[in-house]
Amino acid sequence: MNCPSCESENADEARFCSGCGESLESELEQFLRANQLEQLIKPLKENDFTAPDELHGLSDADFQELGVSLGLKLRLRTALQQLLLENDEDEDDGQTDDDTPETDFESEADRRAELVAQQLSRLVSIDRVYVAPNIPLDKLAAATSSYAKKPGLEAILLYDATVFRGAKDGFVLAKDGLYLKETFQSPCYFGYDSIRSVNADENSKLHINGKPLIHCITIAPISLKRIASVIRLFSGLEE
């Protein structure tokens, strides 16, 4: 292996250059080691992954094919979520009004659809949050049998709040409204025209119309606030 900085020759297994001391590991390897996920380096490298951003789209089936244990999968998704949050904070810190790109939209509906798409794209790696078209059919079936009981439900986002991932508690953001069920509570439904306010507090509780309705303990507050933003957009509450 030749060092990209000084071109010194190094052993294939070397982590640092013997000539200049620079790291010889890829961005992906450094990310995995920093998060105590060294066991994933070999299977991911063997499948040609080179950067952390490439891992956001991995499904449960992909993890199974890679032979990744449940514990490692959960730790990886947590690390990816934290990386996403850090990147978002860096972008927010560095952006000014002059940096905001101007986009011409044919209608207000197009503008809102673009804002929804931007928020949803930041949620795809959040544990227990599933965004269409990658909502597992078994979880959607469990949710619809338990609390989102509408034939032909068109789900946009599903959150599984159950301990054993059975998806019978949580919420479904659908095209016609929000279906929700807190553990040990009765199901709730809010059509978008009935929603007057949506907020997420620092304890990861989702408030609808001023009332805390579900405690989303596995979602970071900043991610839950993005979900709340999507609900406000569908409800016509956010400009």
C-alpha atoms as a PDB file:
ATOM      1  CA  MET A   1       0.000   0.000   0.000  1.00  0.00           C
ATOM      2  CA  ASN A   2       1.382   3.381  -1.011  1.00  0.00           C
ATOM      3  CA  CYS A   3       0.625   6.398   1.166  1.00  0.00           C
ATOM      4  CA  PRO A   4      -1.485   8.971  -0.740  1.00  0.00           C
ATOM      5  CA  SER A   5       0.350  11.784   1.059  1.00  0.00           C
ATOM      6  CA  CYS A   6       4.045  10.880   0.767  1.00  0.00           C
ATOM      7  CA  GLU A   7       3.879   7.772  -1.486  1.00  0.00           C
ATOM      8  CA  SER A   8       5.864   5.682   1.005  1.00  0.00           C
ATOM      9  CA  GLU A   9       5.271   1.935   0.687  1.00  0.00           C
ATOM     10  CA  ASN A  10       3.474   0.289   3.608  1.00  0.00           C
ATOM     11  CA  ALA A  11       2.197  -3.155   4.533  1.00  0.00           C
ATOM     12  CA  ASP A  12      -1.349  -3.883   3.394  1.00  0.00           C
ATOM     13  CA  GLU A  13      -2.587  -4.180   6.969  1.00  0.00           C
ATOM     14  CA  ALA A  14      -0.939  -0.926   8.125  1.00  0.00           C
ATOM     15  CA  ARG A  15      -3.247   1.710   9.580  1.00  0.00           C
ATOM     16  CA  PHE A  16      -0.717   4.556   9.555  1.00  0.00           C
ATOM     17  CA  CYS A  17       2.052   5.469   7.133  1.00  0.00           C
ATOM     18  CA  SER A  18       5.533   4.503   8.317  1.00  0.00           C
ATOM     19  CA  GLY A  19       6.944   7.517   6.480  1.00  0.00           C
ATOM     20  CA  CYS A  20       4.714  10.449   7.427  1.00  0.00           C
ATOM     21  CA  GLY A  21       2.353   9.014  10.027  1.00  0.00           C
ATOM     22  CA  GLU A  22      -0.817   9.845   8.081  1.00  0.00           C
ATOM     23  CA  SER A  23      -3.802   7.517   8.386  1.00  0.00           C
ATOM     24  CA  LEU A  24      -4.045   4.922   5.621  1.00  0.00           C
ATOM     25  CA  GLU A  25      -7.629   3.983   6.472  1.00  0.00           C
ATOM     26  CA  SER A  26     -10.651   5.002   4.452  1.00  0.00           C
ATOM     27  CA  GLU A  27     -13.288   7.364   5.793  1.00  0.00           C
ATOM     28  CA  LEU A  28     -15.488   4.346   6.439  1.00  0.00           C
ATOM     29  CA  GLU A  29     -12.824   2.500   8.460  1.00  0.00           C
ATOM     30  CA  GLN A  30     -12.139   5.583  10.586  1.00  0.00           C
ATOM     31  CA  PHE A  31     -15.857   6.035  11.241  1.00  0.00           C
ATOM     32  CA  LEU A  32     -16.323   2.405  12.286  1.00  0.00           C
ATOM     33  CA  ARG A  33     -13.296   2.392  14.599  1.00  0.00           C
ATOM     34  CA  ALA A  34     -14.390   5.671  16.204  1.00  0.00           C
ATOM     35  CA  ASN A  35     -17.712   4.039  17.079  1.00  0.00           C
ATOM     36  CA  GLN A  36     -16.286   0.683  18.272  1.00  0.00           C
ATOM     37  CA  LEU A  37     -17.661  -1.119  15.215  1.00  0.00           C
ATOM     38  CA  GLU A  38     -14.429  -2.704  13.983  1.00  0.00           C
ATOM     39  CA  GLN A  39     -16.243  -6.024  13.383  1.00  0.00           C
ATOM     40  CA  LEU A  40     -18.035  -4.416  10.441  1.00  0.00           C
ATOM     41  CA  ILE A  41     -14.894  -3.300   8.601  1.00  0.00           C
ATOM     42  CA  LYS A  42     -14.256  -6.622   6.858  1.00  0.00           C
ATOM     43  CA  PRO A  43     -17.792  -7.422   5.615  1.00  0.00           C
ATOM     44  CA  LEU A  44     -18.397  -3.845   4.450  1.00  0.00           C
ATOM     45  CA  LYS A  45     -15.037  -3.560   2.657  1.00  0.00           C
ATOM     46  CA  GLU A  46     -15.608  -6.931   0.992  1.00  0.00           C
ATOM     47  CA  ASN A  47     -18.854  -5.498  -0.404  1.00  0.00           C
ATOM     48  CA  ASP A  48     -17.122  -2.358  -1.730  1.00  0.00           C
ATOM     49  CA  PHE A  49     -18.422   0.177   0.797  1.00  0.00           C
ATOM     50  CA  THR A  50     -15.964   3.063   1.235  1.00  0.00           C
ATOM     51  CA  ALA A  51     -17.823   5.879   3.069  1.00  0.00           C
ATOM     52  CA  PRO A  52     -20.332   6.142   5.963  1.00  0.00           C
ATOM     53  CA  ASP A  53     -22.912   7.935   3.789  1.00  0.00           C
ATOM     54  CA  GLU A  54     -23.254   4.798   1.675  1.00  0.00           C
ATOM     55  CA  LEU A  55     -24.664   2.901   4.675  1.00  0.00           C
ATOM     56  CA  HIS A  56     -27.820   4.981   5.228  1.00  0.00           C
ATOM     57  CA  GLY A  57     -29.840   2.960   2.734  1.00  0.00           C
ATOM     58  CA  LEU A  58     -29.045  -0.494   4.144  1.00  0.00           C
ATOM     59  CA  SER A  59     -32.216  -2.478   4.854  1.00  0.00           C
ATOM     60  CA  ASP A  60     -32.782  -5.264   7.388  1.00  0.00           C
ATOM     61  CA  ALA A  61     -32.413  -7.747   4.517  1.00  0.00           C
ATOM     62  CA  ASP A  62     -29.050  -6.205   3.584  1.00  0.00           C
ATOM     63  CA  PHE A  63     -27.802  -6.541   7.160  1.00  0.00           C
ATOM     64  CA  GLN A  64     -28.910 -10.164   7.193  1.00  0.00           C
ATOM     65  CA  GLU A  65     -27.050 -10.851   3.960  1.00  0.00           C
ATOM     66  CA  LEU A  66     -23.935  -9.226   5.406  1.00  0.00           C
ATOM     67  CA  GLY A  67     -24.218 -11.434   8.497  1.00  0.00           C
ATOM     68  CA  VAL A  68     -24.480  -8.465  10.866  1.00  0.00           C
ATOM     69  CA  SER A  69     -25.870  -9.189  14.340  1.00  0.00           C
ATOM     70  CA  LEU A  70     -28.821  -7.258  15.776  1.00  0.00           C
ATOM     71  CA  GLY A  71     -26.626  -5.510  18.336  1.00  0.00           C
ATOM     72  CA  LEU A  72     -24.127  -4.296  15.743  1.00  0.00           C
ATOM     73  CA  LYS A  73     -26.954  -3.177  13.452  1.00  0.00           C
ATOM     74  CA  LEU A  74     -28.521  -1.069  16.199  1.00  0.00           C
ATOM     75  CA  ARG A  75     -25.171   0.453  17.167  1.00  0.00           C
ATOM     76  CA  LEU A  76     -24.392   1.263  13.541  1.00  0.00           C
ATOM     77  CA  ARG A  77     -27.758   2.937  12.994  1.00  0.00           C
ATOM     78  CA  THR A  78     -27.273   4.979  16.167  1.00  0.00           C
ATOM     79  CA  ALA A  79     -23.824   6.079  14.973  1.00  0.00           C
ATOM     80  CA  LEU A  80     -25.205   6.974  11.528  1.00  0.00           C
ATOM     81  CA  GLN A  81     -28.009   8.974  13.102  1.00  0.00           C
ATOM     82  CA  GLN A  82     -25.494  10.900  15.213  1.00  0.00           C
ATOM     83  CA  LEU A  83     -23.333  11.528  12.132  1.00  0.00           C
ATOM     84  CA  LEU A  84     -26.366  12.828  10.251  1.00  0.00           C
ATOM     85  CA  LEU A  85     -27.244  15.174  13.103  1.00  0.00           C
ATOM     86  CA  GLU A  86     -23.673  16.478  13.282  1.00  0.00           C
ATOM     87  CA  ASN A  87     -23.613  17.099   9.530  1.00  0.00           C
ATOM     88  CA  ASP A  88     -26.940  18.926   9.708  1.00  0.00           C
ATOM     89  CA  GLU A  89     -25.664  21.120  12.549  1.00  0.00           C
ATOM     90  CA  ASP A  90     -22.534  21.942  10.544  1.00  0.00           C
ATOM     91  CA  GLU A  91     -24.667  22.916   7.541  1.00  0.00           C
ATOM     92  CA  ASP A  92     -26.955  25.072   9.681  1.00  0.00           C
ATOM     93  CA  ASP A  93     -23.973  26.820  11.303  1.00  0.00           C
ATOM     94  CA  GLY A  94     -22.361  27.588   7.965  1.00  0.00           C
ATOM     95  CA  GLN A  95     -25.431  28.681   6.043  1.00  0.00           C
ATOM     96  CA  THR A  96     -26.537  32.293   5.653  1.00  0.00           C
ATOM     97  CA  ASP A  97     -29.541  33.751   3.884  1.00  0.00           C
ATOM     98  CA  ASP A  98     -27.341  34.363   0.845  1.00  0.00           C
ATOM     99  CA  ASP A  99     -26.481  30.653   0.719  1.00  0.00           C
ATOM    100  CA  THR A 100     -30.103  29.516   0.401  1.00  0.00           C
ATOM    101  CA  PRO A 101     -30.704  28.301  -3.145  1.00  0.00           C
ATOM    102  CA  GLU A 102     -33.579  29.884  -5.026  1.00  0.00           C
ATOM    103  CA  THR A 103     -35.945  27.402  -6.629  1.00  0.00           C
ATOM    104  CA  ASP A 104     -38.852  28.202  -8.909  1.00  0.00           C
ATOM    105  CA  PHE A 105     -41.964  26.202  -8.038  1.00  0.00           C
ATOM    106  CA  GLU A 106     -44.995  26.030 -10.278  1.00  0.00           C
ATOM    107  CA  SER A 107     -47.341  25.920  -7.284  1.00  0.00           C
ATOM    108  CA  GLU A 108     -47.476  26.110  -3.512  1.00  0.00           C
ATOM    109  CA  ALA A 109     -48.135  22.354  -3.480  1.00  0.00           C
ATOM    110  CA  ASP A 110     -44.838  21.760  -5.317  1.00  0.00           C
ATOM    111  CA  ARG A 111     -42.963  23.883  -2.782  1.00  0.00           C
ATOM    112  CA  ARG A 112     -44.464  22.014   0.159  1.00  0.00           C
ATOM    113  CA  ALA A 113     -43.769  18.652  -1.491  1.00  0.00           C
ATOM    114  CA  GLU A 114     -40.105  19.622  -1.860  1.00  0.00           C
ATOM    115  CA  LEU A 115     -39.892  20.647   1.810  1.00  0.00           C
ATOM    116  CA  VAL A 116     -41.520  17.365   2.876  1.00  0.00           C
ATOM    117  CA  ALA A 117     -39.063  15.391   0.722  1.00  0.00           C
ATOM    118  CA  GLN A 118     -36.110  17.227   2.289  1.00  0.00           C
ATOM    119  CA  GLN A 119     -37.269  16.452   5.831  1.00  0.00           C
ATOM    120  CA  LEU A 120     -38.087  12.814   5.062  1.00  0.00           C
ATOM    121  CA  SER A 121     -34.662  12.264   3.471  1.00  0.00           C
ATOM    122  CA  ARG A 122     -33.092  13.088   6.836  1.00  0.00           C
ATOM    123  CA  LEU A 123     -35.107  10.403   8.610  1.00  0.00           C
ATOM    124  CA  VAL A 124     -34.316   7.299   6.573  1.00  0.00           C
ATOM    125  CA  SER A 125     -31.551   6.070   8.902  1.00  0.00           C
ATOM    126  CA  ILE A 126     -33.426   6.614  12.188  1.00  0.00           C
ATOM    127  CA  ASP A 127     -33.984   3.396  14.100  1.00  0.00           C
ATOM    128  CA  ARG A 128     -37.646   2.256  14.146  1.00  0.00           C
ATOM    129  CA  VAL A 129     -38.626   4.986  11.658  1.00  0.00           C
ATOM    130  CA  TYR A 130     -39.554   3.748   8.181  1.00  0.00           C
ATOM    131  CA  VAL A 131     -40.137   6.020   5.203  1.00  0.00           C
ATOM    132  CA  ALA A 132     -42.055   5.045   2.061  1.00  0.00           C
ATOM    133  CA  PRO A 133     -41.385   3.200  -0.175  1.00  0.00           C
ATOM    134  CA  ASN A 134     -39.249   1.237   2.329  1.00  0.00           C
ATOM    135  CA  ILE A 135     -41.887   0.571   4.999  1.00  0.00           C
ATOM    136  CA  PRO A 136     -41.788  -3.178   5.794  1.00  0.00           C
ATOM    137  CA  LEU A 137     -45.080  -4.801   4.846  1.00  0.00           C
ATOM    138  CA  ASP A 138     -45.276  -6.789   8.090  1.00  0.00           C
ATOM    139  CA  LYS A 139     -44.947  -3.636  10.199  1.00  0.00           C
ATOM    140  CA  LEU A 140     -47.526  -1.781   8.136  1.00  0.00           C
ATOM    141  CA  ALA A 141     -49.887  -4.761   8.439  1.00  0.00           C
ATOM    142  CA  ALA A 142     -49.424  -4.819  12.229  1.00  0.00           C
ATOM    143  CA  ALA A 143     -50.067  -1.075  12.495  1.00  0.00           C
ATOM    144  CA  THR A 144     -53.181  -1.208  10.327  1.00  0.00           C
ATOM    145  CA  SER A 145     -54.616  -4.124  12.295  1.00  0.00           C
ATOM    146  CA  SER A 146     -53.935  -2.384  15.611  1.00  0.00           C
ATOM    147  CA  TYR A 147     -54.707   1.320  15.140  1.00  0.00           C
ATOM    148  CA  ALA A 148     -54.477   2.602  11.542  1.00  0.00           C
ATOM    149  CA  LYS A 149     -57.607   0.780  10.458  1.00  0.00           C
ATOM    150  CA  LYS A 150     -58.311   2.203   7.025  1.00  0.00           C
ATOM    151  CA  PRO A 151     -58.615   0.075   3.865  1.00  0.00           C
ATOM    152  CA  GLY A 152     -56.002   0.986   1.278  1.00  0.00           C
ATOM    153  CA  LEU A 153     -54.030   3.140   3.698  1.00  0.00           C
ATOM    154  CA  GLU A 154     -51.303   5.122   1.884  1.00  0.00           C
ATOM    155  CA  ALA A 155     -48.517   5.372   4.455  1.00  0.00           C
ATOM    156  CA  ILE A 156     -45.733   7.935   4.148  1.00  0.00           C
ATOM    157  CA  LEU A 157     -43.902   7.224   7.406  1.00  0.00           C
ATOM    158  CA  LEU A 158     -44.239   4.632  10.166  1.00  0.00           C
ATOM    159  CA  TYR A 159     -42.755   4.694  13.664  1.00  0.00           C
ATOM    160  CA  ASP A 160     -42.633   1.439  15.620  1.00  0.00           C
ATOM    161  CA  ALA A 161     -42.832   2.249  19.343  1.00  0.00           C
ATOM    162  CA  THR A 162     -42.992  -1.341  20.572  1.00  0.00           C
ATOM    163  CA  VAL A 163     -40.225  -2.938  22.622  1.00  0.00           C
ATOM    164  CA  PHE A 164     -40.123  -6.093  20.514  1.00  0.00           C
ATOM    165  CA  ARG A 165     -40.641  -4.299  17.186  1.00  0.00           C
ATOM    166  CA  GLY A 166     -44.127  -5.615  16.580  1.00  0.00           C
ATOM    167  CA  ALA A 167     -45.335  -2.197  15.325  1.00  0.00           C
ATOM    168  CA  LYS A 168     -48.705  -2.417  17.091  1.00  0.00           C
ATOM    169  CA  ASP A 169     -47.959   0.854  18.924  1.00  0.00           C
ATOM    170  CA  GLY A 170     -46.512   4.007  17.387  1.00  0.00           C
ATOM    171  CA  PHE A 171     -47.778   6.215  14.625  1.00  0.00           C
ATOM    172  CA  VAL A 172     -48.377   6.236  10.887  1.00  0.00           C
ATOM    173  CA  LEU A 173     -48.190   9.432   8.886  1.00  0.00           C
ATOM    174  CA  ALA A 174     -50.504   8.794   5.939  1.00  0.00           C
ATOM    175  CA  LYS A 175     -51.813  10.842   3.040  1.00  0.00           C
ATOM    176  CA  ASP A 176     -55.136  11.441   4.804  1.00  0.00           C
ATOM    177  CA  GLY A 177     -53.873  12.141   8.327  1.00  0.00           C
ATOM    178  CA  LEU A 178     -52.008  10.926  11.397  1.00  0.00           C
ATOM    179  CA  TYR A 179     -52.826   7.574  13.005  1.00  0.00           C
ATOM    180  CA  LEU A 180     -51.358   7.116  16.477  1.00  0.00           C
ATOM    181  CA  LYS A 181     -51.344   4.736  19.415  1.00  0.00           C
ATOM    182  CA  GLU A 182     -49.379   5.124  22.622  1.00  0.00           C
ATOM    183  CA  THR A 183     -48.689   1.945  24.606  1.00  0.00           C
ATOM    184  CA  PHE A 184     -51.682   0.979  26.808  1.00  0.00           C
ATOM    185  CA  GLN A 185     -53.742   3.826  25.297  1.00  0.00           C
ATOM    186  CA  SER A 186     -56.594   3.899  22.802  1.00  0.00           C
ATOM    187  CA  PRO A 187     -55.839   4.667  19.130  1.00  0.00           C
ATOM    188  CA  CYS A 188     -56.143   8.254  17.899  1.00  0.00           C
ATOM    189  CA  TYR A 189     -56.690   9.716  14.448  1.00  0.00           C
ATOM    190  CA  PHE A 190     -56.160  13.300  13.316  1.00  0.00           C
ATOM    191  CA  GLY A 191     -57.158  14.439   9.870  1.00  0.00           C
ATOM    192  CA  TYR A 192     -54.815  17.171   8.690  1.00  0.00           C
ATOM    193  CA  ASP A 193     -57.608  19.741   8.723  1.00  0.00           C
ATOM    194  CA  SER A 194     -58.202  19.030  12.438  1.00  0.00           C
ATOM    195  CA  ILE A 195     -54.582  19.668  13.466  1.00  0.00           C
ATOM    196  CA  ARG A 196     -54.061  23.156  14.907  1.00  0.00           C
ATOM    197  CA  SER A 197     -50.564  22.681  16.361  1.00  0.00           C
ATOM    198  CA  VAL A 198     -47.772  20.092  16.294  1.00  0.00           C
ATOM    199  CA  ASN A 199     -44.697  20.188  18.500  1.00  0.00           C
ATOM    200  CA  ALA A 200     -41.912  17.901  19.710  1.00  0.00           C
ATOM    201  CA  ASP A 201     -40.368  18.649  23.090  1.00  0.00           C
ATOM    202  CA  GLU A 202     -36.857  17.968  24.363  1.00  0.00           C
ATOM    203  CA  ASN A 203     -38.020  14.700  25.976  1.00  0.00           C
ATOM    204  CA  SER A 204     -39.058  13.296  22.575  1.00  0.00           C
ATOM    205  CA  LYS A 205     -42.780  13.631  23.225  1.00  0.00           C
ATOM    206  CA  LEU A 206     -45.005  14.466  20.275  1.00  0.00           C
ATOM    207  CA  HIS A 207     -47.704  17.042  21.049  1.00  0.00           C
ATOM    208  CA  ILE A 208     -50.806  17.397  18.885  1.00  0.00           C
ATOM    209  CA  ASN A 209     -53.143  20.337  19.525  1.00  0.00           C
ATOM    210  CA  GLY A 210     -51.278  21.093  22.743  1.00  0.00           C
ATOM    211  CA  LYS A 211     -51.568  17.591  24.193  1.00  0.00           C
ATOM    212  CA  PRO A 212     -48.613  15.158  24.596  1.00  0.00           C
ATOM    213  CA  LEU A 213     -49.819  11.985  22.888  1.00  0.00           C
ATOM    214  CA  ILE A 214     -46.836   9.671  22.471  1.00  0.00           C
ATOM    215  CA  HIS A 215     -43.378   9.342  23.989  1.00  0.00           C
ATOM    216  CA  CYS A 216     -40.943   8.462  21.168  1.00  0.00           C
ATOM    217  CA  ILE A 217     -38.052   7.321  23.354  1.00  0.00           C
ATOM    218  CA  THR A 218     -35.974   5.935  20.463  1.00  0.00           C
ATOM    219  CA  ILE A 219     -36.108   9.127  18.372  1.00  0.00           C
ATOM    220  CA  ALA A 220     -33.723  11.997  19.111  1.00  0.00           C
ATOM    221  CA  PRO A 221     -35.565  15.295  19.758  1.00  0.00           C
ATOM    222  CA  ILE A 222     -34.127  16.921  16.625  1.00  0.00           C
ATOM    223  CA  SER A 223     -35.406  14.043  14.456  1.00  0.00           C
ATOM    224  CA  LEU A 224     -38.836  14.126  16.078  1.00  0.00           C
ATOM    225  CA  LYS A 225     -38.957  17.856  15.381  1.00  0.00           C
ATOM    226  CA  ARG A 226     -38.420  17.075  11.699  1.00  0.00           C
ATOM    227  CA  ILE A 227     -41.350  14.663  11.801  1.00  0.00           C
ATOM    228  CA  ALA A 228     -43.431  17.369  13.484  1.00  0.00           C
ATOM    229  CA  SER A 229     -42.405  19.738  10.690  1.00  0.00           C
ATOM    230  CA  VAL A 230     -43.666  17.264   8.076  1.00  0.00           C
ATOM    231  CA  ILE A 231     -47.016  16.993   9.888  1.00  0.00           C
ATOM    232  CA  ARG A 232     -47.287  20.791  10.006  1.00  0.00           C
ATOM    233  CA  LEU A 233     -46.584  20.994   6.280  1.00  0.00           C
ATOM    234  CA  PHE A 234     -49.347  18.484   5.506  1.00  0.00           C
ATOM    235  CA  SER A 235     -51.663  20.406   7.845  1.00  0.00           C
ATOM    236  CA  GLY A 236     -50.919  23.762   6.197  1.00  0.00           C
ATOM    237  CA  LEU A 237     -49.416  25.136   9.410  1.00  0.00           C
ATOM    238  CA  GLU A 238     -45.853  25.716   8.231  1.00  0.00           C
ATOM    239  CA  GLU A 239     -44.834  28.223   5.583  1.00  0.00           C
END
